[in-house]
PDB file of N, CA and C in Angstrom:
ATOM      1  N   MET A   1       6.718 -22.445  -5.354  1.00  0.00           N
ATOM      2  CA  MET A   1       5.640 -21.877  -4.572  1.00  0.00           C
ATOM      3  C   MET A   1       6.203 -21.390  -3.242  1.00  0.00           C
ATOM      4  N   ILE A   2       5.644 -20.312  -2.732  1.00  0.00           N
ATOM      5  CA  ILE A   2       6.089 -19.724  -1.468  1.00  0.00           C
ATOM      6  C   ILE A   2       5.397 -20.452  -0.320  1.00  0.00           C
ATOM      7  N   PRO A   3       6.154 -20.836   0.714  1.00  0.00           N
ATOM      8  CA  PRO A   3       5.544 -21.529   1.850  1.00  0.00           C
ATOM      9  C   PRO A   3       4.494 -20.668   2.555  1.00  0.00           C
ATOM     10  N   VAL A   4       3.463 -21.312   3.079  1.00  0.00           N
ATOM     11  CA  VAL A   4       2.335 -20.633   3.719  1.00  0.00           C
ATOM     12  C   VAL A   4       2.769 -19.864   4.965  1.00  0.00           C
ATOM     13  N   ARG A   5       3.879 -20.226   5.555  1.00  0.00           N
ATOM     14  CA  ARG A   5       4.324 -19.529   6.772  1.00  0.00           C
ATOM     15  C   ARG A   5       4.686 -18.062   6.514  1.00  0.00           C
ATOM     16  N   TYR A   6       4.865 -17.679   5.243  1.00  0.00           N
ATOM     17  CA  TYR A   6       5.185 -16.292   4.896  1.00  0.00           C
ATOM     18  C   TYR A   6       3.934 -15.431   4.663  1.00  0.00           C
ATOM     19  N   THR A   7       2.766 -16.012   4.869  1.00  0.00           N
ATOM     20  CA  THR A   7       1.506 -15.288   4.653  1.00  0.00           C
ATOM     21  C   THR A   7       1.422 -13.982   5.444  1.00  0.00           C
ATOM     22  N   PRO A   8       1.815 -13.940   6.723  1.00  0.00           N
ATOM     23  CA  PRO A   8       1.705 -12.676   7.470  1.00  0.00           C
ATOM     24  C   PRO A   8       2.531 -11.530   6.881  1.00  0.00           C
ATOM     25  N   ILE A   9       3.553 -11.840   6.109  1.00  0.00           N
ATOM     26  CA  ILE A   9       4.357 -10.804   5.452  1.00  0.00           C
ATOM     27  C   ILE A   9       3.840 -10.540   4.038  1.00  0.00           C
ATOM     28  N   LEU A  10       3.431 -11.597   3.348  1.00  0.00           N
ATOM     29  CA  LEU A  10       3.012 -11.450   1.956  1.00  0.00           C
ATOM     30  C   LEU A  10       1.681 -10.714   1.796  1.00  0.00           C
ATOM     31  N   VAL A  11       0.756 -10.908   2.716  1.00  0.00           N
ATOM     32  CA  VAL A  11      -0.543 -10.227   2.607  1.00  0.00           C
ATOM     33  C   VAL A  11      -0.364  -8.708   2.649  1.00  0.00           C
ATOM     34  N   PRO A  12       0.327  -8.146   3.652  1.00  0.00           N
ATOM     35  CA  PRO A  12       0.514  -6.694   3.625  1.00  0.00           C
ATOM     36  C   PRO A  12       1.403  -6.230   2.467  1.00  0.00           C
ATOM     37  N   LEU A  13       2.343  -7.057   2.042  1.00  0.00           N
ATOM     38  CA  LEU A  13       3.198  -6.703   0.909  1.00  0.00           C
ATOM     39  C   LEU A  13       2.359  -6.497  -0.352  1.00  0.00           C
ATOM     40  N   VAL A  14       1.495  -7.454  -0.647  1.00  0.00           N
ATOM     41  CA  VAL A  14       0.662  -7.379  -1.847  1.00  0.00           C
ATOM     42  C   VAL A  14      -0.413  -6.303  -1.684  1.00  0.00           C
ATOM     43  N   MET A  15      -1.030  -6.239  -0.523  1.00  0.00           N
ATOM     44  CA  MET A  15      -2.080  -5.250  -0.288  1.00  0.00           C
ATOM     45  C   MET A  15      -1.543  -3.832  -0.437  1.00  0.00           C
ATOM     46  N   THR A  16      -0.412  -3.541   0.201  1.00  0.00           N
ATOM     47  CA  THR A  16       0.140  -2.188   0.128  1.00  0.00           C
ATOM     48  C   THR A  16       0.680  -1.870  -1.258  1.00  0.00           C
ATOM     49  N   PHE A  17       1.096  -2.883  -1.997  1.00  0.00           N
ATOM     50  CA  PHE A  17       1.537  -2.677  -3.381  1.00  0.00           C
ATOM     51  C   PHE A  17       0.411  -2.031  -4.188  1.00  0.00           C
ATOM     52  N   PHE A  18      -0.778  -2.609  -4.098  1.00  0.00           N
ATOM     53  CA  PHE A  18      -1.907  -2.105  -4.875  1.00  0.00           C
ATOM     54  C   PHE A  18      -2.474  -0.802  -4.305  1.00  0.00           C
ATOM     55  N   VAL A  19      -2.539  -0.697  -2.991  1.00  0.00           N
ATOM     56  CA  VAL A  19      -3.063   0.522  -2.385  1.00  0.00           C
ATOM     57  C   VAL A  19      -2.142   1.700  -2.691  1.00  0.00           C
ATOM     58  N   ALA A  20      -0.842   1.525  -2.529  1.00  0.00           N
ATOM     59  CA  ALA A  20       0.108   2.605  -2.828  1.00  0.00           C
ATOM     60  C   ALA A  20       0.049   2.977  -4.302  1.00  0.00           C
ATOM     61  N   CYS A  21      -0.136   1.996  -5.170  1.00  0.00           N
ATOM     62  CA  CYS A  21      -0.271   2.248  -6.602  1.00  0.00           C
ATOM     63  C   CYS A  21      -1.456   3.159  -6.878  1.00  0.00           C
ATOM     64  N   CYS A  22      -2.603   2.810  -6.372  1.00  0.00           N
ATOM     65  CA  CYS A  22      -3.832   3.575  -6.639  1.00  0.00           C
ATOM     66  C   CYS A  22      -3.784   4.962  -6.017  1.00  0.00           C
ATOM     67  N   VAL A  23      -3.364   5.044  -4.771  1.00  0.00           N
ATOM     68  CA  VAL A  23      -3.349   6.328  -4.079  1.00  0.00           C
ATOM     69  C   VAL A  23      -2.314   7.266  -4.701  1.00  0.00           C
ATOM     70  N   SER A  24      -1.131   6.752  -4.997  1.00  0.00           N
ATOM     71  CA  SER A  24      -0.108   7.614  -5.598  1.00  0.00           C
ATOM     72  C   SER A  24      -0.517   8.070  -6.991  1.00  0.00           C
ATOM     73  N   LEU A  25      -1.184   7.209  -7.754  1.00  0.00           N
ATOM     74  CA  LEU A  25      -1.680   7.604  -9.075  1.00  0.00           C
ATOM     75  C   LEU A  25      -2.688   8.739  -8.939  1.00  0.00           C
ATOM     76  N   LEU A  26      -3.645   8.576  -8.060  1.00  0.00           N
ATOM     77  CA  LEU A  26      -4.673   9.588  -7.866  1.00  0.00           C
ATOM     78  C   LEU A  26      -4.075  10.909  -7.387  1.00  0.00           C
ATOM     79  N   LEU A  27      -3.201  10.851  -6.392  1.00  0.00           N
ATOM     80  CA  LEU A  27      -2.638  12.081  -5.841  1.00  0.00           C
ATOM     81  C   LEU A  27      -1.683  12.767  -6.809  1.00  0.00           C
ATOM     82  N   THR A  28      -0.899  11.997  -7.559  1.00  0.00           N
ATOM     83  CA  THR A  28      -0.007  12.595  -8.547  1.00  0.00           C
ATOM     84  C   THR A  28      -0.810  13.251  -9.655  1.00  0.00           C
ATOM     85  N   LEU A  29      -1.828  12.569 -10.117  1.00  0.00           N
ATOM     86  CA  LEU A  29      -2.701  13.121 -11.158  1.00  0.00           C
ATOM     87  C   LEU A  29      -3.405  14.390 -10.663  1.00  0.00           C
ATOM     88  N   ASN A  30      -3.859  14.365  -9.443  1.00  0.00           N
ATOM     89  CA  ASN A  30      -4.530  15.525  -8.857  1.00  0.00           C
ATOM     90  C   ASN A  30      -3.566  16.699  -8.677  1.00  0.00           C
ATOM     91  N   SER A  31      -2.314  16.424  -8.344  1.00  0.00           N
ATOM     92  CA  SER A  31      -1.349  17.480  -8.068  1.00  0.00           C
ATOM     93  C   SER A  31      -0.815  18.155  -9.323  1.00  0.00           C
ATOM     94  N   VAL A  32      -0.450  17.346 -10.325  1.00  0.00           N
ATOM     95  CA  VAL A  32       0.229  17.923 -11.496  1.00  0.00           C
ATOM     96  C   VAL A  32      -0.537  17.745 -12.791  1.00  0.00           C
ATOM     97  N   GLY A  33      -1.569  16.921 -12.783  1.00  0.00           N
ATOM     98  CA  GLY A  33      -2.273  16.629 -14.024  1.00  0.00           C
ATOM     99  C   GLY A  33      -1.462  15.645 -14.869  1.00  0.00           C
ATOM    100  N   PHE A  34      -1.981  15.352 -16.051  1.00  0.00           N
ATOM    101  CA  PHE A  34      -1.280  14.406 -16.926  1.00  0.00           C
ATOM    102  C   PHE A  34      -0.299  15.190 -17.786  1.00  0.00           C
ATOM    103  N   ILE A  35       0.914  15.393 -17.253  1.00  0.00           N
ATOM    104  CA  ILE A  35       1.943  16.190 -17.905  1.00  0.00           C
ATOM    105  C   ILE A  35       2.971  15.277 -18.556  1.00  0.00           C
ATOM    106  N   ALA A  36       3.854  15.859 -19.346  1.00  0.00           N
ATOM    107  CA  ALA A  36       4.974  15.098 -19.899  1.00  0.00           C
ATOM    108  C   ALA A  36       5.819  14.604 -18.724  1.00  0.00           C
ATOM    109  N   GLY A  37       6.221  13.360 -18.761  1.00  0.00           N
ATOM    110  CA  GLY A  37       6.993  12.766 -17.678  1.00  0.00           C
ATOM    111  C   GLY A  37       6.147  12.296 -16.512  1.00  0.00           C
ATOM    112  N   PHE A  38       4.836  12.258 -16.706  1.00  0.00           N
ATOM    113  CA  PHE A  38       3.927  11.867 -15.635  1.00  0.00           C
ATOM    114  C   PHE A  38       4.220  10.466 -15.120  1.00  0.00           C
ATOM    115  N   VAL A  39       4.434   9.537 -16.018  1.00  0.00           N
ATOM    116  CA  VAL A  39       4.616   8.135 -15.598  1.00  0.00           C
ATOM    117  C   VAL A  39       5.839   7.996 -14.698  1.00  0.00           C
ATOM    118  N   GLY A  40       6.941   8.638 -15.068  1.00  0.00           N
ATOM    119  CA  GLY A  40       8.139   8.577 -14.232  1.00  0.00           C
ATOM    120  C   GLY A  40       7.922   9.193 -12.867  1.00  0.00           C
ATOM    121  N   LEU A  41       7.252  10.331 -12.842  1.00  0.00           N
ATOM    122  CA  LEU A  41       6.941  10.998 -11.574  1.00  0.00           C
ATOM    123  C   LEU A  41       6.038  10.122 -10.716  1.00  0.00           C
ATOM    124  N   TRP A  42       5.015   9.545 -11.340  1.00  0.00           N
ATOM    125  CA  TRP A  42       4.099   8.677 -10.608  1.00  0.00           C
ATOM    126  C   TRP A  42       4.828   7.453 -10.055  1.00  0.00           C
ATOM    127  N   LEU A  43       5.687   6.827 -10.855  1.00  0.00           N
ATOM    128  CA  LEU A  43       6.400   5.642 -10.378  1.00  0.00           C
ATOM    129  C   LEU A  43       7.325   5.971  -9.212  1.00  0.00           C
ATOM    130  N   ARG A  44       7.988   7.122  -9.251  1.00  0.00           N
ATOM    131  CA  ARG A  44       8.825   7.532  -8.116  1.00  0.00           C
ATOM    132  C   ARG A  44       7.954   7.735  -6.869  1.00  0.00           C
ATOM    133  N   ASN A  45       6.818   8.408  -7.048  1.00  0.00           N
ATOM    134  CA  ASN A  45       5.911   8.611  -5.913  1.00  0.00           C
ATOM    135  C   ASN A  45       5.366   7.289  -5.383  1.00  0.00           C
ATOM    136  N   TRP A  46       5.097   6.374  -6.288  1.00  0.00           N
ATOM    137  CA  TRP A  46       4.598   5.064  -5.897  1.00  0.00           C
ATOM    138  C   TRP A  46       5.620   4.322  -5.044  1.00  0.00           C
ATOM    139  N   MET A  47       6.866   4.333  -5.455  1.00  0.00           N
ATOM    140  CA  MET A  47       7.890   3.623  -4.693  1.00  0.00           C
ATOM    141  C   MET A  47       8.086   4.242  -3.311  1.00  0.00           C
ATOM    142  N   VAL A  48       8.042   5.574  -3.221  1.00  0.00           N
ATOM    143  CA  VAL A  48       8.137   6.232  -1.916  1.00  0.00           C
ATOM    144  C   VAL A  48       6.928   5.854  -1.057  1.00  0.00           C
ATOM    145  N   ALA A  49       5.742   5.884  -1.659  1.00  0.00           N
ATOM    146  CA  ALA A  49       4.525   5.527  -0.932  1.00  0.00           C
ATOM    147  C   ALA A  49       4.570   4.079  -0.462  1.00  0.00           C
ATOM    148  N   TRP A  50       5.016   3.196  -1.322  1.00  0.00           N
ATOM    149  CA  TRP A  50       5.077   1.783  -0.954  1.00  0.00           C
ATOM    150  C   TRP A  50       6.114   1.529   0.131  1.00  0.00           C
ATOM    151  N   ALA A  51       7.238   2.240   0.058  1.00  0.00           N
ATOM    152  CA  ALA A  51       8.276   2.087   1.084  1.00  0.00           C
ATOM    153  C   ALA A  51       7.739   2.479   2.464  1.00  0.00           C
ATOM    154  N   PHE A  52       6.811   3.406   2.504  1.00  0.00           N
ATOM    155  CA  PHE A  52       6.177   3.777   3.768  1.00  0.00           C
ATOM    156  C   PHE A  52       5.003   2.856   4.094  1.00  0.00           C
ATOM    157  N   ALA A  53       4.216   2.518   3.078  1.00  0.00           N
ATOM    158  CA  ALA A  53       2.984   1.756   3.303  1.00  0.00           C
ATOM    159  C   ALA A  53       3.248   0.330   3.772  1.00  0.00           C
ATOM    160  N   PHE A  54       4.287  -0.306   3.268  1.00  0.00           N
ATOM    161  CA  PHE A  54       4.528  -1.702   3.643  1.00  0.00           C
ATOM    162  C   PHE A  54       4.823  -1.848   5.132  1.00  0.00           C
ATOM    163  N   PRO A  55       5.798  -1.111   5.692  1.00  0.00           N
ATOM    164  CA  PRO A  55       6.001  -1.243   7.144  1.00  0.00           C
ATOM    165  C   PRO A  55       4.777  -0.806   7.942  1.00  0.00           C
ATOM    166  N   ALA A  56       4.085   0.234   7.470  1.00  0.00           N
ATOM    167  CA  ALA A  56       2.866   0.667   8.162  1.00  0.00           C
ATOM    168  C   ALA A  56       1.819  -0.443   8.131  1.00  0.00           C
ATOM    169  N   GLY A  57       1.718  -1.137   7.005  1.00  0.00           N
ATOM    170  CA  GLY A  57       0.766  -2.239   6.881  1.00  0.00           C
ATOM    171  C   GLY A  57       1.098  -3.399   7.799  1.00  0.00           C
ATOM    172  N   ILE A  58       2.382  -3.670   7.966  1.00  0.00           N
ATOM    173  CA  ILE A  58       2.815  -4.749   8.870  1.00  0.00           C
ATOM    174  C   ILE A  58       2.310  -4.470  10.295  1.00  0.00           C
ATOM    175  N   PHE A  59       2.422  -3.218  10.717  1.00  0.00           N
ATOM    176  CA  PHE A  59       1.988  -2.866  12.070  1.00  0.00           C
ATOM    177  C   PHE A  59       0.486  -2.626  12.162  1.00  0.00           C
ATOM    178  N   ALA A  60      -0.130  -2.133  11.102  1.00  0.00           N
ATOM    179  CA  ALA A  60      -1.547  -1.778  11.151  1.00  0.00           C
ATOM    180  C   ALA A  60      -2.464  -2.988  11.038  1.00  0.00           C
ATOM    181  N   LEU A  61      -2.070  -4.003  10.322  1.00  0.00           N
ATOM    182  CA  LEU A  61      -2.946  -5.153  10.102  1.00  0.00           C
ATOM    183  C   LEU A  61      -3.349  -5.849  11.409  1.00  0.00           C
ATOM    184  N   PRO A  62      -2.429  -6.158  12.315  1.00  0.00           N
ATOM    185  CA  PRO A  62      -2.873  -6.767  13.579  1.00  0.00           C
ATOM    186  C   PRO A  62      -3.759  -5.827  14.402  1.00  0.00           C
ATOM    187  N   LEU A  63      -3.459  -4.551  14.374  1.00  0.00           N
ATOM    188  CA  LEU A  63      -4.284  -3.588  15.089  1.00  0.00           C
ATOM    189  C   LEU A  63      -5.687  -3.534  14.488  1.00  0.00           C
ATOM    190  N   ALA A  64      -5.764  -3.520  13.176  1.00  0.00           N
ATOM    191  CA  ALA A  64      -7.061  -3.507  12.503  1.00  0.00           C
ATOM    192  C   ALA A  64      -7.859  -4.763  12.839  1.00  0.00           C
ATOM    193  N   ARG A  65      -7.201  -5.897  12.899  1.00  0.00           N
ATOM    194  CA  ARG A  65      -7.889  -7.153  13.251  1.00  0.00           C
ATOM    195  C   ARG A  65      -8.465  -7.079  14.664  1.00  0.00           C
ATOM    196  N   ARG A  66      -7.680  -6.507  15.591  1.00  0.00           N
ATOM    197  CA  ARG A  66      -8.159  -6.384  16.975  1.00  0.00           C
ATOM    198  C   ARG A  66      -9.356  -5.443  17.060  1.00  0.00           C
ATOM    199  N   ILE A  67      -9.285  -4.331  16.351  1.00  0.00           N
ATOM    200  CA  ILE A  67     -10.387  -3.367  16.367  1.00  0.00           C
ATOM    201  C   ILE A  67     -11.641  -3.996  15.785  1.00  0.00           C
ATOM    202  N   VAL A  68     -11.508  -4.702  14.669  1.00  0.00           N
ATOM    203  CA  VAL A  68     -12.662  -5.357  14.055  1.00  0.00           C
ATOM    204  C   VAL A  68     -13.221  -6.426  14.994  1.00  0.00           C
ATOM    205  N   ALA A  69     -12.363  -7.142  15.679  1.00  0.00           N
ATOM    206  CA  ALA A  69     -12.833  -8.163  16.635  1.00  0.00           C
ATOM    207  C   ALA A  69     -13.624  -7.521  17.766  1.00  0.00           C
ATOM    208  N   LEU A  70     -13.217  -6.330  18.194  1.00  0.00           N
ATOM    209  CA  LEU A  70     -13.963  -5.638  19.240  1.00  0.00           C
ATOM    210  C   LEU A  70     -15.304  -5.103  18.751  1.00  0.00           C
ATOM    211  N   LEU A  71     -15.369  -4.765  17.472  1.00  0.00           N
ATOM    212  CA  LEU A  71     -16.589  -4.175  16.915  1.00  0.00           C
ATOM    213  C   LEU A  71     -17.606  -5.205  16.448  1.00  0.00           C
ATOM    214  N   THR A  72     -17.176  -6.442  16.303  1.00  0.00           N
ATOM    215  CA  THR A  72     -18.080  -7.474  15.799  1.00  0.00           C
ATOM    216  C   THR A  72     -18.388  -8.474  16.901  1.00  0.00           C
ATOM    217  N   ALA A  73     -19.493  -9.146  16.718  1.00  0.00           N
ATOM    218  CA  ALA A  73     -19.917 -10.125  17.726  1.00  0.00           C
ATOM    219  C   ALA A  73     -19.422 -11.496  17.377  1.00  0.00           C
TER     220      ALA A  73
END
């Protein structure tokens, strides 16, 4: 089992994994349609998206928490 102290890294890791998966699937499908070699193209796009999304998620999550704290009572 992974120690709980890694939660601040694991939450954005898992979250961006799924978000990058869904967004890259949608955008790849929208751009080229379901063509031969689609899965390979989508997986390459997914990895590029995730490589960007994970560091962005690390920085965005604390900012999002602060914004939500300001907007809620």
